[in-house]
Every structure is written in structure tokens, then in C-alpha cells.
Amino acid sequence: MAANQFERHGRARAKLKQIFAIPERVSVIHYSCESFYDLPDGRSPRITSIAVRKLDNAQTESFSIHQIAEIRGVSLKSADIEPSYNEYEKLMLNEFFEFMRNNTERTFVHWNMRDKNYGFRAIEHRYKVLGGNPIVLPDDRKLDLSRLLIDLYGVAYIGHPRLETLLEKNSIEALDFMTGAQEAEAFNQGKYVDLHRSTLRKVDVFCNLAQRAFDKTLKVNTSWKETHGLSLRTLLYLAKKHWIYTTLIVLGGAGGALGGIYKGYTALMAALGYS
């Protein structure tokens, strides 16, 4: 049987508990790059900035094209950076992967960084293209916050575009935050400093969302019942899969049928570590 919303919610809640139990070993990561939709020739998107923020104390490491250019004594104007962009990008990624080599024990929370178009593998591939030798972070050290929130609250928990709509619903002011389309336009215009600020803002936003989800204060569109997957179909599913659930319903039945169902549900949540 495939997992239903009850189990997806429980596993997501358990994962949140796990990372907030050891926040000193968890970082939130995001990066900005050239839009891959604007590259019909199939080449890899150039990377402009990467930000990594610690979950426990908000200390943030950042790596960016304009910082490398400044260290090299180059003007921050895009016309002056562009001729040596690949060189500066490799220097930036040298620093990033050296950081990763020193932090392989950490778990990295991210938003949709899942494939070679956009994600850890895209950064690794781009570094290889530039002649680097990337360290490959194991998948069990990555946690996709965007997918976790879907599992936690249900697929209809917020409208599209999910991130921007979620910020609006929770009244989160995000100064310097850019949408994907805005970042693509900023790259085309050579606004590397603005892209860096947006990247820094997004790791701050992701920390905020993760904390609210953990505290159970994040506002979403789905109801408590929908979030927890409480339905007749779920009850039948649980009765078939978890013998303990049927037993608990029977034992809790003295308080009435509905009371027994609710007691069985909450007790199973606790028994499975999903409370």
C-alpha cells in the first residue's frame, strides 16, 4: 500500500523534530544562477551566488561572483566582470566546495534543489564543466523543505506559486526577495549584487518557514483534518495496515464510536512517533 496523507504528515513531522533536535548540525542553502530556460543550446547555467545559513544561530556563509571580482580588484560592473566570468565562477565554486568538504556531516535544507537543471547536481556539474572536482553530498544529507511542507500539510496546502503565496499568507516581509523570473532578468542585466541579496534573503525566509512549521504556527489553506489525513478512507487503510490502530479504537470505544476513532488515531500517532 502506498503511504497516505496520515503517514506522510507523520513522517514529515518526525523529520522536522529530528533537525530541530540538532540545529547546530543543520544548514539552509540556496543559490542563484542563470535561467536554464534561456539556454536553448543546452549548456549549463552559470552560477552567481550561494548562501548557507546555520539553523541554530543564523550565521551565514556566502559565495558570489561580485565578491570574487572585488577581491581581484575588478569593477563590479557587469561589463567588467563578464569577460572573466568563468574564471571568477570557478574561484567562487572552489571556495564553496572547500566549505562543503569541511561540512559533510551537516544536513542541508533546501527548496527544490533536486536535479541537474537546478540543484546540488547542477552545481556539481557546473564545477566539472569549469574543470573542478566537486564533493558529492549524499542524498541523506539533503532535506527538501518544499516537499516536506507538501507532506506535512497536503498538496493543496497553499496556492501557486507556492513560496510567494506562502509568504503573503503568513505576512512575511521579504526585503530583496526576487521571484525566479525576476532573478533571471537580474542576471541578464548583470545585477549580481541584487542576486546575492535575494539569495541571502531566501535562506532567511526558509529558516523562518521551517521554524514556523516546527512550532505549528505556519498558516496554510488546508484544515487540521486535511493536514492529518483524517477520513474514513484513512481509517480503513490504517485498520488494515496497523493492527494497533484497530485495537486502540476498540479499547477507546467506551467513549463512543467517534471518541474511539479519535483516541485510536491520536494514540497511533504517538505510538509511531508522529505526534
Protein backbone atom coordinates (compact mmCIF):
# COMPACT_ATOMS: atom_id res chain seq x y z
CA MET A 1 0.00 0.00 0.00
CA ALA A 2 1.21 3.49 -0.83
CA ALA A 3 1.59 5.92 2.04
CA ASN A 4 -1.42 8.18 2.60
CA GLN A 5 -1.58 11.69 4.00
CA PHE A 6 -1.66 10.40 7.59
CA GLU A 7 1.69 8.69 7.15
CA ARG A 8 3.20 11.46 5.02
CA HIS A 9 2.25 14.00 7.67
CA GLY A 10 3.70 11.84 10.42
CA ARG A 11 7.00 11.29 8.66
CA ALA A 12 7.33 14.98 7.84
CA ARG A 13 6.62 15.94 11.46
CA ALA A 14 9.21 13.41 12.63
CA LYS A 15 11.79 14.83 10.20
CA LEU A 16 11.18 18.36 11.50
CA LYS A 17 11.66 17.13 15.06
CA GLN A 18 14.88 15.45 14.00
CA ILE A 19 16.51 18.55 12.50
CA PHE A 20 15.38 20.88 15.30
CA ALA A 21 16.75 18.44 17.87
CA ILE A 22 20.25 19.11 16.48
CA PRO A 23 20.03 22.59 14.84
CA GLU A 24 23.76 23.11 15.27
CA ARG A 25 24.30 20.39 12.65
CA VAL A 26 21.80 21.74 10.12
CA SER A 27 22.24 24.45 7.48
CA VAL A 28 19.85 26.03 4.99
CA ILE A 29 21.20 26.51 1.46
CA HIS A 30 20.09 28.38 -1.65
CA TYR A 31 21.76 29.67 -4.82
CA SER A 32 21.04 31.89 -7.79
CA CYS A 33 22.00 31.23 -11.37
CA GLU A 34 21.36 31.99 -15.00
CA SER A 35 17.91 30.81 -16.12
CA PHE A 36 18.18 27.38 -17.79
CA TYR A 37 15.05 28.25 -19.80
CA ASP A 38 17.12 30.90 -21.62
CA LEU A 39 19.73 28.37 -22.76
CA PRO A 40 18.35 26.59 -25.84
CA ASP A 41 21.84 25.32 -26.72
CA GLY A 42 21.75 23.08 -23.62
CA ARG A 43 24.81 24.44 -21.84
CA SER A 44 24.83 24.54 -18.03
CA PRO A 45 23.57 27.73 -16.32
CA ARG A 46 26.25 29.96 -14.82
CA ILE A 47 26.06 30.39 -11.06
CA THR A 48 26.12 33.84 -9.47
CA SER A 49 25.86 33.29 -5.72
CA ILE A 50 25.38 30.66 -3.00
CA ALA A 51 24.30 31.23 0.60
CA VAL A 52 24.48 28.76 3.50
CA ARG A 53 22.87 29.71 6.82
CA LYS A 54 23.15 27.77 10.09
CA LEU A 55 19.80 26.81 11.57
CA ASP A 56 20.83 27.35 15.18
CA ASN A 57 22.48 30.78 15.16
CA ALA A 58 21.78 32.29 11.70
CA GLN A 59 25.49 32.62 10.90
CA THR A 60 25.74 32.69 7.11
CA GLU A 61 28.48 31.82 4.65
CA SER A 62 28.14 33.30 1.17
CA PHE A 63 29.93 32.83 -2.12
CA SER A 64 29.38 35.18 -5.04
CA ILE A 65 30.74 36.41 -8.34
CA HIS A 66 30.87 40.06 -7.31
CA GLN A 67 32.85 39.26 -4.13
CA ILE A 68 35.46 37.37 -6.17
CA ALA A 69 35.66 40.26 -8.63
CA GLU A 70 36.10 42.76 -5.81
CA ILE A 71 38.93 40.71 -4.28
CA ARG A 72 40.61 40.64 -7.70
CA GLY A 73 40.37 44.42 -7.88
CA VAL A 74 37.82 44.41 -10.69
CA SER A 75 34.94 46.85 -11.03
CA LEU A 76 31.56 45.37 -10.05
CA LYS A 77 30.03 46.50 -13.32
CA SER A 78 28.78 43.53 -15.35
CA ALA A 79 30.72 44.73 -18.42
CA ASP A 80 33.96 44.35 -16.44
CA ILE A 81 33.04 41.00 -14.86
CA GLU A 82 31.65 39.32 -17.98
CA PRO A 83 34.96 38.80 -19.87
CA SER A 84 36.37 36.75 -16.98
CA TYR A 85 33.07 35.33 -15.68
CA ASN A 86 34.06 31.66 -15.97
CA GLU A 87 37.34 32.30 -14.17
CA TYR A 88 35.61 34.09 -11.29
CA GLU A 89 32.87 31.47 -11.17
CA LYS A 90 35.41 28.68 -10.76
CA LEU A 91 37.16 30.59 -7.97
CA MET A 92 33.80 31.05 -6.26
CA LEU A 93 32.99 27.34 -6.60
CA ASN A 94 36.48 26.43 -5.34
CA GLU A 95 35.59 28.22 -2.11
CA PHE A 96 32.12 26.68 -1.95
CA PHE A 97 33.32 23.09 -2.39
CA GLU A 98 36.11 23.61 0.11
CA PHE A 99 33.40 24.68 2.55
CA MET A 100 31.38 21.57 1.68
CA ARG A 101 34.40 19.31 2.25
CA ASN A 102 34.67 20.69 5.76
CA ASN A 103 30.94 20.26 6.48
CA THR A 104 29.96 16.87 5.09
CA GLU A 105 28.39 15.86 8.42
CA ARG A 106 25.78 18.60 8.19
CA THR A 107 22.23 18.24 6.87
CA PHE A 108 21.36 20.82 4.21
CA VAL A 109 17.78 22.10 4.00
CA HIS A 110 16.87 23.50 0.58
CA TRP A 111 13.96 24.48 -1.66
CA ASN A 112 13.58 22.37 -4.83
CA MET A 113 17.32 21.78 -5.34
CA ARG A 114 16.69 18.33 -6.77
CA ASP A 115 18.21 17.79 -10.22
CA LYS A 116 20.72 18.79 -12.91
CA ASN A 117 18.59 21.72 -14.02
CA TYR A 118 18.58 23.27 -10.57
CA GLY A 119 20.10 21.69 -7.51
CA PHE A 120 23.17 20.14 -5.93
CA ARG A 121 23.81 18.09 -9.06
CA ALA A 122 23.59 21.22 -11.20
CA ILE A 123 26.26 22.92 -9.08
CA GLU A 124 28.43 19.80 -9.20
CA HIS A 125 28.05 19.58 -12.99
CA ARG A 126 28.83 23.26 -13.49
CA TYR A 127 32.02 22.89 -11.41
CA LYS A 128 33.09 19.91 -13.54
CA VAL A 129 32.49 21.96 -16.70
CA LEU A 130 34.84 24.60 -15.28
CA GLY A 131 37.49 21.97 -14.51
CA GLY A 132 36.76 21.40 -10.83
CA ASN A 133 36.41 18.21 -8.81
CA PRO A 134 33.26 18.54 -6.69
CA ILE A 135 32.50 16.73 -3.49
CA VAL A 136 29.17 14.92 -3.80
CA LEU A 137 26.87 15.34 -0.82
CA PRO A 138 24.96 12.11 -0.01
CA ASP A 139 21.21 12.36 -0.58
CA ASP A 140 20.52 11.51 3.05
CA ARG A 141 22.19 14.82 3.96
CA LYS A 142 19.64 16.79 1.92
CA LEU A 143 16.16 17.83 3.02
CA ASP A 144 13.80 19.46 0.53
CA LEU A 145 11.65 21.88 2.54
CA SER A 146 9.24 22.40 -0.35
CA ARG A 147 8.39 18.68 -0.50
CA LEU A 148 8.36 18.38 3.28
CA LEU A 149 5.66 21.06 3.56
CA ILE A 150 3.54 19.23 0.97
CA ASP A 151 3.87 16.03 3.01
CA LEU A 152 3.18 17.88 6.25
CA TYR A 153 0.08 19.79 5.16
CA GLY A 154 -1.15 18.12 1.96
CA VAL A 155 -0.68 19.01 -1.70
CA ALA A 156 -3.33 21.77 -1.55
CA TYR A 157 -1.77 23.49 1.48
CA ILE A 158 -1.09 26.69 -0.47
CA GLY A 159 -1.70 28.08 -3.95
CA HIS A 160 0.82 28.62 -6.74
CA PRO A 161 3.42 30.00 -6.86
CA ARG A 162 3.78 28.24 -3.52
CA LEU A 163 6.69 30.15 -2.00
CA GLU A 164 5.45 33.66 -2.76
CA THR A 165 1.86 32.77 -1.78
CA LEU A 166 3.03 31.23 1.48
CA LEU A 167 4.97 34.35 2.40
CA GLU A 168 1.93 36.51 1.69
CA LYS A 169 -0.40 34.32 3.74
CA ASN A 170 1.98 34.45 6.71
CA SER A 171 2.66 38.20 6.39
CA ILE A 172 6.39 37.59 5.98
CA GLU A 173 8.10 40.69 4.63
CA ALA A 174 10.97 39.65 2.40
CA LEU A 175 13.11 42.66 1.53
CA ASP A 176 15.38 41.98 -1.51
CA PHE A 177 13.48 38.74 -2.29
CA MET A 178 13.19 38.05 -6.03
CA THR A 179 10.97 35.58 -7.84
CA GLY A 180 12.53 33.15 -10.30
CA ALA A 181 11.55 35.37 -13.24
CA GLN A 182 12.98 38.44 -11.53
CA GLU A 183 16.25 36.64 -10.84
CA ALA A 184 16.53 35.60 -14.49
CA GLU A 185 16.02 39.20 -15.59
CA ALA A 186 18.52 40.45 -12.98
CA PHE A 187 21.12 38.00 -14.34
CA ASN A 188 20.56 39.20 -17.89
CA GLN A 189 21.09 42.76 -16.69
CA GLY A 190 24.24 41.85 -14.76
CA LYS A 191 22.76 42.78 -11.38
CA TYR A 192 24.93 40.33 -9.45
CA VAL A 193 24.78 42.21 -6.15
CA ASP A 194 20.97 42.20 -6.24
CA LEU A 195 21.01 38.47 -6.95
CA HIS A 196 23.30 37.92 -3.98
CA ARG A 197 20.95 39.88 -1.71
CA SER A 198 18.00 37.82 -2.92
CA THR A 199 19.89 34.59 -2.23
CA LEU A 200 20.71 35.74 1.30
CA ARG A 201 17.09 36.73 1.88
CA LYS A 202 15.81 33.36 0.72
CA VAL A 203 17.87 31.33 3.21
CA ASP A 204 16.48 33.64 5.89
CA VAL A 205 12.94 33.01 4.63
CA PHE A 206 13.43 29.24 4.53
CA CYS A 207 14.67 29.23 8.12
CA ASN A 208 11.59 31.24 9.09
CA LEU A 209 9.21 28.83 7.34
CA ALA A 210 10.91 25.77 8.82
CA GLN A 211 10.71 27.25 12.33
CA ARG A 212 7.00 28.08 11.95
CA ALA A 213 6.26 24.61 10.61
CA PHE A 214 8.09 23.07 13.57
CA ASP A 215 6.26 25.37 16.02
CA LYS A 216 2.94 24.55 14.30
CA THR A 217 2.28 28.25 13.67
CA LEU A 218 2.62 28.27 9.87
CA LYS A 219 -0.64 29.40 8.25
CA VAL A 220 -1.83 27.19 5.39
CA ASN A 221 -5.04 26.66 3.40
CA THR A 222 -5.69 23.06 4.42
CA SER A 223 -7.71 22.24 7.53
CA TRP A 224 -6.50 20.21 10.51
CA LYS A 225 -8.46 17.24 9.17
CA GLU A 226 -6.92 17.54 5.70
CA THR A 227 -3.43 18.10 7.07
CA HIS A 228 -3.59 14.97 9.22
CA GLY A 229 -5.36 12.90 6.56
CA LEU A 230 -8.31 12.09 8.82
CA SER A 231 -11.02 10.45 6.70
CA LEU A 232 -12.99 7.21 6.51
CA ARG A 233 -10.65 6.02 3.77
CA THR A 234 -7.66 6.67 6.02
CA LEU A 235 -9.30 4.87 8.94
CA LEU A 236 -9.88 1.79 6.79
CA TYR A 237 -6.31 1.99 5.48
CA LEU A 238 -4.90 2.20 9.00
CA ALA A 239 -7.09 -0.63 10.24
CA LYS A 240 -5.67 -2.89 7.52
CA LYS A 241 -2.06 -1.83 7.88
CA HIS A 242 -1.68 -1.17 11.61
CA TRP A 243 -3.21 -3.79 13.93
CA ILE A 244 -2.54 -1.47 16.85
CA TYR A 245 -4.98 1.05 15.42
CA THR A 246 -7.91 -1.39 15.37
CA THR A 247 -7.08 -2.44 18.93
CA LEU A 248 -6.95 1.14 20.15
CA ILE A 249 -10.26 2.00 18.50
CA VAL A 250 -11.89 -0.93 20.30
CA LEU A 251 -10.30 -0.03 23.61
CA GLY A 252 -11.26 3.61 23.16
CA GLY A 253 -14.77 2.75 22.09
CA ALA A 254 -16.18 3.11 25.58
CA GLY A 255 -16.35 6.85 24.96
CA GLY A 256 -18.46 6.35 21.85
CA ALA A 257 -17.63 5.45 18.26
CA LEU A 258 -16.24 8.84 17.30
CA GLY A 259 -14.36 9.13 20.56
CA GLY A 260 -12.86 5.71 19.99
CA ILE A 261 -11.76 6.62 16.48
CA TYR A 262 -10.17 9.86 17.66
CA LYS A 263 -8.44 8.16 20.58
CA GLY A 264 -7.19 5.42 18.30
CA TYR A 265 -5.91 7.99 15.83
CA THR A 266 -4.05 10.11 18.39
CA ALA A 267 -2.66 7.06 20.18
CA LEU A 268 -1.35 5.63 16.91
CA MET A 269 0.28 8.96 16.11
CA ALA A 270 2.15 8.76 19.42
CA ALA A 271 2.98 5.07 19.03
CA LEU A 272 4.52 5.68 15.61
CA GLY A 273 6.40 8.74 16.81
CA TYR A 274 4.32 11.11 14.67
CA SER A 275 2.80 13.27 17.40
